[in-house]
């Protein structure tokens, strides 16, 4: 089986190595992006996400659920600090 190069995984891996050192390796990922553009003088915004086609749906779902839980925890910590 030939493994195709994955430039997104490679970029995330490079970021991890710079940020956290060489011990962590990207096993799965989901990329979420906020987009904007000017069209006809108006600002348009959108969102987009990407997961590799070869990644199992349950893995992608698990990552998205984990991020939502992390967001809720961060929100709770922020609200607690502002009280």
N, C-alpha and C. Protein backbone atom coordinates (compact mmCIF):
# COMPACT_ATOMS: atom_id res chain seq x y z
N UNK A 1 0.84 -1.18 0.00
CA UNK A 1 0.00 0.00 0.00
C UNK A 1 0.88 1.24 0.00
N UNK A 2 0.63 2.14 -0.92
CA UNK A 2 1.38 3.37 -1.03
C UNK A 2 0.69 4.45 -0.22
N UNK A 3 1.43 5.13 0.62
CA UNK A 3 0.88 6.22 1.42
C UNK A 3 1.15 7.52 0.69
N UNK A 4 0.09 8.22 0.38
CA UNK A 4 0.21 9.50 -0.31
C UNK A 4 0.71 10.58 0.66
N UNK A 5 1.53 11.51 0.19
CA UNK A 5 1.95 12.62 1.05
C UNK A 5 0.74 13.44 1.50
N UNK A 6 0.77 13.91 2.71
CA UNK A 6 -0.32 14.71 3.27
C UNK A 6 0.28 16.03 3.77
N UNK A 7 0.24 17.08 2.95
CA UNK A 7 0.87 18.34 3.34
C UNK A 7 0.24 18.98 4.58
N UNK A 8 -1.03 18.73 4.82
CA UNK A 8 -1.66 19.29 6.02
C UNK A 8 -1.11 18.60 7.26
N UNK A 9 -1.04 17.29 7.24
CA UNK A 9 -0.48 16.54 8.36
C UNK A 9 0.98 16.97 8.59
N UNK A 10 1.74 17.13 7.52
CA UNK A 10 3.14 17.53 7.64
C UNK A 10 3.26 18.92 8.28
N UNK A 11 2.39 19.85 7.90
CA UNK A 11 2.43 21.19 8.49
C UNK A 11 2.06 21.15 9.98
N UNK A 12 1.05 20.37 10.32
CA UNK A 12 0.67 20.24 11.73
C UNK A 12 1.81 19.60 12.52
N UNK A 13 2.44 18.58 11.95
CA UNK A 13 3.56 17.91 12.62
C UNK A 13 4.71 18.89 12.85
N UNK A 14 5.02 19.69 11.86
CA UNK A 14 6.09 20.68 12.00
C UNK A 14 5.76 21.67 13.12
N UNK A 15 4.51 22.12 13.16
CA UNK A 15 4.08 23.03 14.23
C UNK A 15 4.25 22.37 15.60
N UNK A 16 3.80 21.11 15.72
CA UNK A 16 3.92 20.39 16.99
C UNK A 16 5.37 20.28 17.44
N UNK A 17 6.25 19.94 16.51
CA UNK A 17 7.66 19.80 16.86
C UNK A 17 8.23 21.13 17.34
N UNK A 18 7.84 22.22 16.69
CA UNK A 18 8.31 23.55 17.11
C UNK A 18 7.74 23.93 18.47
N UNK A 19 6.48 23.60 18.70
CA UNK A 19 5.79 24.02 19.92
C UNK A 19 6.03 23.09 21.10
N UNK A 20 6.07 21.78 20.87
CA UNK A 20 6.09 20.83 21.97
C UNK A 20 7.30 19.90 21.98
N UNK A 21 8.14 19.96 20.98
CA UNK A 21 9.27 19.04 20.93
C UNK A 21 8.99 17.87 20.02
N UNK A 22 9.88 16.90 20.04
CA UNK A 22 9.84 15.80 19.08
C UNK A 22 9.06 14.57 19.53
N UNK A 23 8.45 14.59 20.70
CA UNK A 23 7.83 13.38 21.22
C UNK A 23 6.43 13.11 20.70
N UNK A 24 5.73 14.11 20.23
CA UNK A 24 4.34 13.95 19.80
C UNK A 24 4.27 13.80 18.29
N UNK A 25 3.36 12.94 17.84
CA UNK A 25 3.17 12.70 16.40
C UNK A 25 1.68 12.76 16.08
N UNK A 26 1.36 13.39 14.97
CA UNK A 26 -0.03 13.52 14.52
C UNK A 26 -0.53 12.14 14.10
N UNK A 27 -1.58 11.68 14.77
CA UNK A 27 -2.18 10.41 14.38
C UNK A 27 -3.46 10.63 13.59
N UNK A 28 -4.24 11.63 14.00
CA UNK A 28 -5.50 11.98 13.32
C UNK A 28 -5.66 13.49 13.45
N UNK A 29 -6.49 14.08 12.60
CA UNK A 29 -6.71 15.51 12.71
C UNK A 29 -8.01 15.95 12.05
N UNK A 30 -8.49 17.09 12.50
CA UNK A 30 -9.57 17.85 11.88
C UNK A 30 -9.11 19.30 11.87
N UNK A 31 -9.27 19.96 10.76
CA UNK A 31 -8.89 21.36 10.65
C UNK A 31 -10.18 22.18 10.52
N UNK A 32 -10.34 23.16 11.40
CA UNK A 32 -11.49 24.08 11.33
C UNK A 32 -10.95 25.47 10.99
N UNK A 33 -11.59 26.13 10.06
CA UNK A 33 -11.10 27.42 9.57
C UNK A 33 -12.26 28.40 9.44
N UNK A 34 -12.03 29.62 9.90
CA UNK A 34 -12.96 30.72 9.64
C UNK A 34 -12.50 31.44 8.39
N UNK A 35 -13.42 31.75 7.52
CA UNK A 35 -13.10 32.37 6.23
C UNK A 35 -13.81 33.71 6.10
N UNK A 36 -13.19 34.61 5.39
CA UNK A 36 -13.89 35.83 5.00
C UNK A 36 -13.36 36.32 3.66
N UNK A 37 -14.21 37.08 2.98
CA UNK A 37 -13.83 37.69 1.71
C UNK A 37 -14.71 38.90 1.47
N UNK A 38 -14.23 39.77 0.62
CA UNK A 38 -15.01 40.93 0.19
C UNK A 38 -15.57 40.60 -1.18
N UNK A 39 -16.88 40.67 -1.30
CA UNK A 39 -17.54 40.42 -2.58
C UNK A 39 -18.57 41.52 -2.80
N UNK A 40 -18.46 42.21 -3.90
CA UNK A 40 -19.36 43.32 -4.22
C UNK A 40 -19.38 44.35 -3.10
N UNK A 41 -18.22 44.60 -2.51
CA UNK A 41 -18.12 45.60 -1.45
C UNK A 41 -18.65 45.16 -0.10
N UNK A 42 -19.08 43.93 0.01
CA UNK A 42 -19.63 43.40 1.26
C UNK A 42 -18.69 42.35 1.84
N UNK A 43 -18.56 42.35 3.17
CA UNK A 43 -17.79 41.31 3.84
C UNK A 43 -18.65 40.07 3.97
N UNK A 44 -18.15 38.96 3.47
CA UNK A 44 -18.84 37.68 3.61
C UNK A 44 -17.98 36.78 4.51
N UNK A 45 -18.62 36.10 5.42
CA UNK A 45 -17.89 35.18 6.30
C UNK A 45 -18.49 33.79 6.18
N UNK A 46 -17.66 32.82 6.46
CA UNK A 46 -18.10 31.43 6.41
C UNK A 46 -17.16 30.61 7.27
N UNK A 47 -17.45 29.35 7.40
CA UNK A 47 -16.56 28.44 8.10
C UNK A 47 -16.43 27.18 7.25
N UNK A 48 -15.37 26.46 7.52
CA UNK A 48 -15.08 25.27 6.74
C UNK A 48 -14.29 24.33 7.61
N UNK A 49 -14.44 23.06 7.40
CA UNK A 49 -13.61 22.10 8.12
C UNK A 49 -13.20 20.99 7.16
N UNK A 50 -12.10 20.35 7.55
CA UNK A 50 -11.55 19.30 6.71
C UNK A 50 -11.00 18.18 7.58
N UNK A 51 -11.24 16.97 7.18
CA UNK A 51 -10.62 15.78 7.76
C UNK A 51 -10.23 14.88 6.58
N UNK A 52 -9.14 14.16 6.71
CA UNK A 52 -8.71 13.31 5.59
C UNK A 52 -9.78 12.28 5.22
N UNK A 53 -9.92 12.03 3.94
CA UNK A 53 -10.90 11.04 3.47
C UNK A 53 -10.63 9.65 4.06
N UNK A 54 -9.37 9.35 4.31
CA UNK A 54 -9.01 8.02 4.82
C UNK A 54 -9.26 7.86 6.32
N UNK A 55 -9.61 8.95 6.99
CA UNK A 55 -9.85 8.91 8.44
C UNK A 55 -11.27 8.41 8.72
N UNK A 56 -11.38 7.46 9.62
CA UNK A 56 -12.70 6.91 9.95
C UNK A 56 -13.62 7.99 10.52
N UNK A 57 -14.89 7.92 10.18
CA UNK A 57 -15.86 8.91 10.65
C UNK A 57 -15.90 8.99 12.17
N UNK A 58 -15.81 7.83 12.84
CA UNK A 58 -15.88 7.86 14.30
C UNK A 58 -14.68 8.58 14.91
N UNK A 59 -13.53 8.56 14.24
CA UNK A 59 -12.35 9.29 14.72
C UNK A 59 -12.58 10.79 14.57
N UNK A 60 -13.08 11.20 13.40
CA UNK A 60 -13.37 12.61 13.17
C UNK A 60 -14.40 13.11 14.17
N UNK A 61 -15.47 12.35 14.37
CA UNK A 61 -16.50 12.73 15.34
C UNK A 61 -15.91 12.85 16.74
N UNK A 62 -15.07 11.90 17.12
CA UNK A 62 -14.44 11.94 18.44
C UNK A 62 -13.59 13.17 18.63
N UNK A 63 -12.85 13.57 17.60
CA UNK A 63 -12.03 14.78 17.69
C UNK A 63 -12.90 16.02 17.83
N UNK A 64 -13.98 16.08 17.06
CA UNK A 64 -14.88 17.23 17.14
C UNK A 64 -15.55 17.32 18.52
N UNK A 65 -15.96 16.19 19.07
CA UNK A 65 -16.55 16.16 20.41
C UNK A 65 -15.52 16.62 21.44
N UNK A 66 -14.29 16.15 21.31
CA UNK A 66 -13.23 16.53 22.25
C UNK A 66 -12.98 18.03 22.22
N UNK A 67 -12.98 18.62 21.03
CA UNK A 67 -12.78 20.07 20.93
C UNK A 67 -13.93 20.82 21.57
N UNK A 68 -15.14 20.35 21.37
CA UNK A 68 -16.29 21.00 21.99
C UNK A 68 -16.20 20.94 23.51
N UNK A 69 -15.77 19.80 24.04
CA UNK A 69 -15.59 19.67 25.49
C UNK A 69 -14.49 20.60 25.98
N UNK A 70 -13.41 20.73 25.22
CA UNK A 70 -12.32 21.65 25.60
C UNK A 70 -12.81 23.09 25.61
N UNK A 71 -13.63 23.44 24.61
CA UNK A 71 -14.18 24.80 24.53
C UNK A 71 -15.06 25.08 25.74
N UNK A 72 -15.93 24.13 26.09
CA UNK A 72 -16.81 24.31 27.25
C UNK A 72 -16.01 24.47 28.53
N UNK A 73 -14.95 23.69 28.68
CA UNK A 73 -14.10 23.79 29.87
C UNK A 73 -13.42 25.15 29.92
N UNK A 74 -12.90 25.61 28.79
CA UNK A 74 -12.24 26.91 28.74
C UNK A 74 -13.24 28.03 29.04
N UNK A 75 -14.45 27.92 28.51
CA UNK A 75 -15.49 28.91 28.80
C UNK A 75 -15.80 28.95 30.28
N UNK A 76 -15.91 27.79 30.90
CA UNK A 76 -16.19 27.71 32.33
C UNK A 76 -15.08 28.33 33.15
N UNK A 77 -13.82 28.09 32.77
CA UNK A 77 -12.69 28.69 33.48
C UNK A 77 -12.69 30.20 33.29
N UNK A 78 -13.01 30.67 32.10
CA UNK A 78 -13.05 32.11 31.84
C UNK A 78 -14.15 32.76 32.68
N UNK A 79 -15.34 32.15 32.68
CA UNK A 79 -16.46 32.70 33.44
C UNK A 79 -16.14 32.70 34.94
N UNK A 80 -15.49 31.67 35.43
CA UNK A 80 -15.12 31.58 36.83
C UNK A 80 -14.12 32.69 37.19
N UNK A 81 -13.16 32.94 36.30
CA UNK A 81 -12.14 33.97 36.54
C UNK A 81 -12.74 35.37 36.51
N UNK A 82 -13.79 35.58 35.71
CA UNK A 82 -14.38 36.92 35.63
C UNK A 82 -15.41 37.19 36.71
N UNK A 83 -15.75 36.19 37.52
CA UNK A 83 -16.69 36.41 38.61
C UNK A 83 -16.08 37.19 39.74
